[in-house]
């Protein structure tokens, strides 16, 4: 589980700072995402969105994480606390909290590249 936790943190920190190189390395080709505004993204459109975060000082924390293994799939649920400037937009200075669900697939990555 430590490798899974590290992969989740690496992903979250890369999102917070708009680190596209890391995000491209860890995201599955079939990655999909529904953002805080309810907009659905495929991998390509989400990476475009994340790239606009480059240089922001947003910080992300985790709490109430639950990790369950079902065969070679992990189901991760919990809460992300997002703090610092640029959380929702470049001009935003408010913190916010979001519930999170991720389903990384072990056989694809052993919680490494192309994990999420």
N, C-alpha and C. Protein backbone atom coordinates (compact mmCIF):
# COMPACT_ATOMS: atom_id res chain seq x y z
N UNK A 1 0.82 -1.20 0.00
CA UNK A 1 0.00 0.00 0.00
C UNK A 1 0.86 1.27 0.00
N UNK A 2 2.08 1.17 0.51
CA UNK A 2 2.94 2.36 0.52
C UNK A 2 3.21 2.86 -0.90
N UNK A 3 3.39 1.93 -1.86
CA UNK A 3 3.61 2.35 -3.24
C UNK A 3 2.38 3.04 -3.81
N UNK A 4 1.20 2.53 -3.48
CA UNK A 4 -0.04 3.15 -3.93
C UNK A 4 -0.17 4.55 -3.35
N UNK A 5 0.09 4.69 -2.05
CA UNK A 5 0.03 6.01 -1.41
C UNK A 5 1.00 6.98 -2.07
N UNK A 6 2.20 6.51 -2.38
CA UNK A 6 3.20 7.37 -3.02
C UNK A 6 2.74 7.80 -4.41
N UNK A 7 2.13 6.88 -5.16
CA UNK A 7 1.62 7.22 -6.49
C UNK A 7 0.50 8.25 -6.41
N UNK A 8 -0.39 8.09 -5.43
CA UNK A 8 -1.49 9.06 -5.26
C UNK A 8 -0.94 10.44 -4.89
N UNK A 9 0.04 10.48 -4.00
CA UNK A 9 0.62 11.76 -3.60
C UNK A 9 1.35 12.41 -4.78
N UNK A 10 2.11 11.60 -5.53
CA UNK A 10 2.85 12.13 -6.69
C UNK A 10 1.87 12.75 -7.70
N UNK A 11 0.77 12.06 -7.95
CA UNK A 11 -0.25 12.57 -8.86
C UNK A 11 -0.83 13.88 -8.34
N UNK A 12 -1.22 13.90 -7.07
CA UNK A 12 -1.85 15.09 -6.48
C UNK A 12 -0.91 16.29 -6.50
N UNK A 13 0.33 16.09 -6.13
CA UNK A 13 1.29 17.20 -6.12
C UNK A 13 1.57 17.70 -7.53
N UNK A 14 1.62 16.78 -8.49
CA UNK A 14 1.83 17.20 -9.89
C UNK A 14 0.64 18.01 -10.38
N UNK A 15 -0.57 17.60 -10.02
CA UNK A 15 -1.75 18.39 -10.39
C UNK A 15 -1.69 19.78 -9.76
N UNK A 16 -1.39 19.84 -8.48
CA UNK A 16 -1.39 21.11 -7.76
C UNK A 16 -0.46 22.12 -8.40
N UNK A 17 0.69 21.67 -8.88
CA UNK A 17 1.67 22.58 -9.47
C UNK A 17 1.70 22.59 -10.98
N UNK A 18 0.79 21.85 -11.62
CA UNK A 18 0.76 21.83 -13.08
C UNK A 18 1.97 21.16 -13.70
N UNK A 19 2.50 20.13 -13.06
CA UNK A 19 3.69 19.43 -13.55
C UNK A 19 3.28 18.40 -14.61
N UNK A 20 3.20 18.83 -15.84
CA UNK A 20 2.70 18.00 -16.93
C UNK A 20 3.59 16.78 -17.18
N UNK A 21 4.89 16.92 -17.05
CA UNK A 21 5.78 15.78 -17.29
C UNK A 21 5.44 14.62 -16.35
N UNK A 22 5.22 14.92 -15.08
CA UNK A 22 4.85 13.86 -14.12
C UNK A 22 3.48 13.31 -14.46
N UNK A 23 2.52 14.19 -14.73
CA UNK A 23 1.17 13.74 -15.02
C UNK A 23 1.13 12.84 -16.25
N UNK A 24 1.86 13.20 -17.30
CA UNK A 24 1.90 12.35 -18.48
C UNK A 24 2.51 11.00 -18.18
N UNK A 25 3.46 10.95 -17.25
CA UNK A 25 4.12 9.69 -16.89
C UNK A 25 3.23 8.78 -16.06
N UNK A 26 2.35 9.34 -15.22
CA UNK A 26 1.58 8.50 -14.31
C UNK A 26 0.16 8.22 -14.78
N UNK A 27 -0.36 8.97 -15.73
CA UNK A 27 -1.75 8.77 -16.14
C UNK A 27 -1.88 7.66 -17.18
N UNK A 28 -2.86 6.83 -16.99
CA UNK A 28 -3.21 5.79 -17.94
C UNK A 28 -3.70 6.44 -19.24
N UNK A 29 -3.48 5.81 -20.39
CA UNK A 29 -4.03 6.33 -21.64
C UNK A 29 -5.55 6.45 -21.62
N UNK A 30 -6.21 5.68 -20.78
CA UNK A 30 -7.68 5.73 -20.70
C UNK A 30 -8.18 6.58 -19.53
N UNK A 31 -7.31 7.40 -18.93
CA UNK A 31 -7.69 8.23 -17.78
C UNK A 31 -8.87 9.12 -18.12
N UNK A 32 -9.83 9.20 -17.21
CA UNK A 32 -10.93 10.16 -17.30
C UNK A 32 -11.08 10.84 -15.95
N UNK A 33 -11.71 12.01 -15.96
CA UNK A 33 -11.78 12.82 -14.74
C UNK A 33 -13.02 13.72 -14.81
N UNK A 34 -13.73 13.83 -13.71
CA UNK A 34 -14.79 14.83 -13.57
C UNK A 34 -14.27 15.86 -12.59
N UNK A 35 -14.15 17.13 -13.05
CA UNK A 35 -13.52 18.17 -12.23
C UNK A 35 -14.47 18.75 -11.19
N UNK A 36 -13.98 19.69 -10.42
CA UNK A 36 -14.74 20.29 -9.32
C UNK A 36 -15.97 21.04 -9.81
N UNK A 37 -16.03 21.34 -11.10
CA UNK A 37 -17.17 22.04 -11.67
C UNK A 37 -18.15 21.07 -12.33
N UNK A 38 -17.86 19.77 -12.27
CA UNK A 38 -18.72 18.75 -12.85
C UNK A 38 -18.45 18.49 -14.32
N UNK A 39 -17.38 19.04 -14.87
CA UNK A 39 -17.06 18.85 -16.28
C UNK A 39 -16.25 17.57 -16.46
N UNK A 40 -16.66 16.75 -17.43
CA UNK A 40 -15.99 15.49 -17.73
C UNK A 40 -14.82 15.75 -18.68
N UNK A 41 -13.66 15.11 -18.39
CA UNK A 41 -12.47 15.25 -19.22
C UNK A 41 -11.93 13.88 -19.59
N UNK A 42 -11.50 13.73 -20.83
CA UNK A 42 -10.67 12.58 -21.17
C UNK A 42 -9.24 12.96 -20.83
N UNK A 43 -8.30 12.06 -21.04
CA UNK A 43 -6.90 12.31 -20.66
C UNK A 43 -6.36 13.58 -21.30
N UNK A 44 -6.59 13.73 -22.59
CA UNK A 44 -6.05 14.88 -23.33
C UNK A 44 -6.59 16.21 -22.82
N UNK A 45 -7.91 16.30 -22.66
CA UNK A 45 -8.48 17.57 -22.20
C UNK A 45 -8.12 17.86 -20.75
N UNK A 46 -7.98 16.80 -19.94
CA UNK A 46 -7.59 17.03 -18.55
C UNK A 46 -6.15 17.52 -18.46
N UNK A 47 -5.26 16.96 -19.29
CA UNK A 47 -3.88 17.43 -19.29
C UNK A 47 -3.79 18.89 -19.74
N UNK A 48 -4.63 19.29 -20.70
CA UNK A 48 -4.66 20.71 -21.11
C UNK A 48 -5.09 21.58 -19.94
N UNK A 49 -6.11 21.15 -19.22
CA UNK A 49 -6.56 21.88 -18.03
C UNK A 49 -5.43 21.95 -16.99
N UNK A 50 -4.80 20.82 -16.71
CA UNK A 50 -3.76 20.77 -15.68
C UNK A 50 -2.57 21.63 -16.07
N UNK A 51 -2.25 21.71 -17.34
CA UNK A 51 -1.12 22.51 -17.78
C UNK A 51 -1.32 23.99 -17.45
N UNK A 52 -2.56 24.44 -17.43
CA UNK A 52 -2.84 25.84 -17.08
C UNK A 52 -2.57 26.12 -15.60
N UNK A 53 -2.32 25.08 -14.81
CA UNK A 53 -2.02 25.24 -13.39
C UNK A 53 -0.54 25.50 -13.13
N UNK A 54 0.31 25.39 -14.15
CA UNK A 54 1.75 25.54 -14.00
C UNK A 54 2.08 26.81 -13.23
N UNK A 55 2.91 26.67 -12.20
CA UNK A 55 3.36 27.81 -11.43
C UNK A 55 2.47 28.19 -10.25
N UNK A 56 1.35 27.55 -10.09
CA UNK A 56 0.48 27.87 -8.94
C UNK A 56 1.09 27.30 -7.66
N UNK A 57 0.70 27.89 -6.55
CA UNK A 57 1.25 27.47 -5.25
C UNK A 57 0.23 26.67 -4.44
N UNK A 58 -0.69 26.05 -5.12
CA UNK A 58 -1.70 25.24 -4.46
C UNK A 58 -1.05 24.08 -3.73
N UNK A 59 -1.59 23.78 -2.54
CA UNK A 59 -1.15 22.61 -1.77
C UNK A 59 -2.34 21.67 -1.63
N UNK A 60 -2.05 20.38 -1.59
CA UNK A 60 -3.13 19.40 -1.48
C UNK A 60 -2.83 18.43 -0.34
N UNK A 61 -3.85 18.16 0.45
CA UNK A 61 -3.72 17.22 1.55
C UNK A 61 -4.78 16.15 1.45
N UNK A 62 -4.57 15.05 2.15
CA UNK A 62 -5.49 13.92 2.13
C UNK A 62 -5.99 13.65 3.54
N UNK A 63 -7.25 13.25 3.63
CA UNK A 63 -7.75 12.76 4.92
C UNK A 63 -8.89 11.78 4.66
N UNK A 64 -9.14 10.99 5.65
CA UNK A 64 -10.18 9.96 5.59
C UNK A 64 -10.00 9.03 4.39
N UNK A 65 -8.74 8.75 4.06
CA UNK A 65 -8.48 7.84 2.93
C UNK A 65 -8.84 6.41 3.31
N UNK A 66 -9.50 5.74 2.39
CA UNK A 66 -9.76 4.31 2.51
C UNK A 66 -9.25 3.66 1.24
N UNK A 67 -8.50 2.59 1.41
CA UNK A 67 -7.96 1.85 0.28
C UNK A 67 -8.41 0.41 0.40
N UNK A 68 -9.02 -0.08 -0.65
CA UNK A 68 -9.46 -1.47 -0.67
C UNK A 68 -8.91 -2.13 -1.93
N UNK A 69 -8.38 -3.32 -1.78
CA UNK A 69 -7.91 -4.10 -2.93
C UNK A 69 -8.98 -5.12 -3.29
N UNK A 70 -9.32 -5.15 -4.57
CA UNK A 70 -10.25 -6.14 -5.10
C UNK A 70 -9.52 -6.78 -6.28
N UNK A 71 -8.91 -7.91 -6.03
CA UNK A 71 -8.07 -8.52 -7.06
C UNK A 71 -6.89 -7.62 -7.33
N UNK A 72 -6.72 -7.23 -8.60
CA UNK A 72 -5.60 -6.36 -8.95
C UNK A 72 -6.04 -4.91 -9.15
N UNK A 73 -7.16 -4.55 -8.55
CA UNK A 73 -7.68 -3.18 -8.63
C UNK A 73 -7.75 -2.61 -7.21
N UNK A 74 -7.33 -1.36 -7.07
CA UNK A 74 -7.45 -0.66 -5.79
C UNK A 74 -8.58 0.36 -5.92
N UNK A 75 -9.42 0.42 -4.92
CA UNK A 75 -10.45 1.46 -4.85
C UNK A 75 -10.04 2.39 -3.74
N UNK A 76 -9.79 3.66 -4.10
CA UNK A 76 -9.31 4.65 -3.15
C UNK A 76 -10.36 5.74 -3.05
N UNK A 77 -10.85 5.98 -1.84
CA UNK A 77 -11.79 7.06 -1.60
C UNK A 77 -11.26 7.91 -0.47
N UNK A 78 -11.69 9.15 -0.42
CA UNK A 78 -11.26 10.03 0.65
C UNK A 78 -11.58 11.46 0.34
N UNK A 79 -10.94 12.34 1.06
CA UNK A 79 -11.18 13.77 0.95
C UNK A 79 -9.85 14.46 0.67
N UNK A 80 -9.87 15.36 -0.32
CA UNK A 80 -8.72 16.22 -0.60
C UNK A 80 -9.01 17.60 -0.07
N UNK A 81 -8.11 18.13 0.73
CA UNK A 81 -8.18 19.52 1.17
C UNK A 81 -7.20 20.30 0.31
N UNK A 82 -7.71 21.25 -0.43
CA UNK A 82 -6.91 22.00 -1.40
C UNK A 82 -6.79 23.43 -0.88
N UNK A 83 -5.54 23.86 -0.69
CA UNK A 83 -5.27 25.15 -0.06
C UNK A 83 -4.31 25.97 -0.90
N UNK A 84 -4.35 27.26 -0.68
CA UNK A 84 -3.41 28.16 -1.32
C UNK A 84 -3.98 28.81 -2.56
N UNK A 85 -3.26 29.75 -3.07
CA UNK A 85 -3.76 30.50 -4.22
C UNK A 85 -3.83 29.60 -5.45
N UNK A 86 -4.84 29.88 -6.27
CA UNK A 86 -4.98 29.17 -7.53
C UNK A 86 -5.64 27.83 -7.43
N UNK A 87 -6.38 27.57 -6.36
CA UNK A 87 -7.00 26.26 -6.21
C UNK A 87 -8.00 25.98 -7.33
N UNK A 88 -8.94 26.88 -7.55
CA UNK A 88 -9.95 26.69 -8.59
C UNK A 88 -9.64 27.44 -9.87
N UNK A 89 -9.03 28.61 -9.75
CA UNK A 89 -8.64 29.40 -10.92
C UNK A 89 -7.38 30.17 -10.55
N UNK A 90 -6.73 30.73 -11.55
CA UNK A 90 -5.47 31.44 -11.30
C UNK A 90 -5.64 32.60 -10.33
N UNK A 91 -6.83 33.21 -10.31
CA UNK A 91 -7.04 34.38 -9.45
C UNK A 91 -7.71 34.02 -8.12
N UNK A 92 -8.00 32.77 -7.91
CA UNK A 92 -8.70 32.32 -6.71
C UNK A 92 -7.76 32.29 -5.51
N UNK A 93 -8.26 32.74 -4.37
CA UNK A 93 -7.47 32.71 -3.14
C UNK A 93 -8.18 31.95 -2.03
N UNK A 94 -9.21 31.18 -2.38
CA UNK A 94 -9.98 30.43 -1.40
C UNK A 94 -9.54 28.98 -1.37
N UNK A 95 -9.62 28.38 -0.20
CA UNK A 95 -9.37 26.95 -0.05
C UNK A 95 -10.66 26.21 -0.37
N UNK A 96 -10.58 24.94 -0.71
CA UNK A 96 -11.78 24.14 -0.85
C UNK A 96 -11.47 22.68 -0.57
N UNK A 97 -12.54 21.91 -0.36
CA UNK A 97 -12.44 20.49 -0.04
C UNK A 97 -13.25 19.73 -1.06
N UNK A 98 -12.73 18.58 -1.48
CA UNK A 98 -13.41 17.77 -2.48
C UNK A 98 -13.30 16.30 -2.10
N UNK A 99 -14.40 15.56 -2.30
CA UNK A 99 -14.32 14.12 -2.10
C UNK A 99 -13.67 13.51 -3.32
N UNK A 100 -12.92 12.45 -3.11
CA UNK A 100 -12.15 11.86 -4.19
C UNK A 100 -12.40 10.37 -4.27
N UNK A 101 -12.43 9.88 -5.50
CA UNK A 101 -12.49 8.45 -5.75
C UNK A 101 -11.51 8.15 -6.88
N UNK A 102 -10.66 7.19 -6.68
CA UNK A 102 -9.72 6.77 -7.72
C UNK A 102 -9.72 5.25 -7.76
N UNK A 103 -9.56 4.70 -8.95
CA UNK A 103 -9.53 3.26 -9.10
C UNK A 103 -8.31 2.87 -9.93
N UNK A 104 -7.11 2.88 -9.31
CA UNK A 104 -5.90 2.44 -10.02
C UNK A 104 -5.93 0.93 -10.22
N UNK A 105 -5.36 0.47 -11.31
CA UNK A 105 -5.35 -0.95 -11.67
C UNK A 105 -3.94 -1.50 -11.51
N UNK A 106 -3.76 -2.43 -10.59
CA UNK A 106 -2.45 -2.94 -10.22
C UNK A 106 -1.71 -3.58 -11.40
N UNK A 107 -2.40 -4.36 -12.21
CA UNK A 107 -1.69 -5.10 -13.25
C UNK A 107 -1.13 -4.16 -14.33
N UNK A 108 -1.66 -2.96 -14.43
CA UNK A 108 -1.15 -2.00 -15.40
C UNK A 108 0.16 -1.37 -14.95
N UNK A 109 0.38 -1.30 -13.63
CA UNK A 109 1.47 -0.41 -13.22
C UNK A 109 2.18 -0.76 -11.93
N UNK A 110 1.69 -1.66 -11.14
CA UNK A 110 2.26 -1.87 -9.80
C UNK A 110 2.36 -0.53 -9.07
N UNK A 111 1.36 0.32 -9.30
CA UNK A 111 1.23 1.65 -8.70
C UNK A 111 2.32 2.60 -9.19
N UNK A 112 2.89 2.34 -10.33
CA UNK A 112 3.92 3.20 -10.90
C UNK A 112 3.40 3.90 -12.14
N UNK A 113 4.20 3.98 -13.20
CA UNK A 113 3.77 4.67 -14.42
C UNK A 113 2.48 4.11 -14.97
N UNK A 114 1.70 4.95 -15.56
CA UNK A 114 0.37 4.67 -16.11
C UNK A 114 -0.51 3.96 -15.08
N UNK A 115 -0.53 4.51 -13.91
CA UNK A 115 -1.25 3.90 -12.80
C UNK A 115 -2.65 4.46 -12.66
N UNK A 116 -2.82 5.75 -12.80
CA UNK A 116 -4.10 6.37 -12.45
C UNK A 116 -4.89 6.72 -13.68
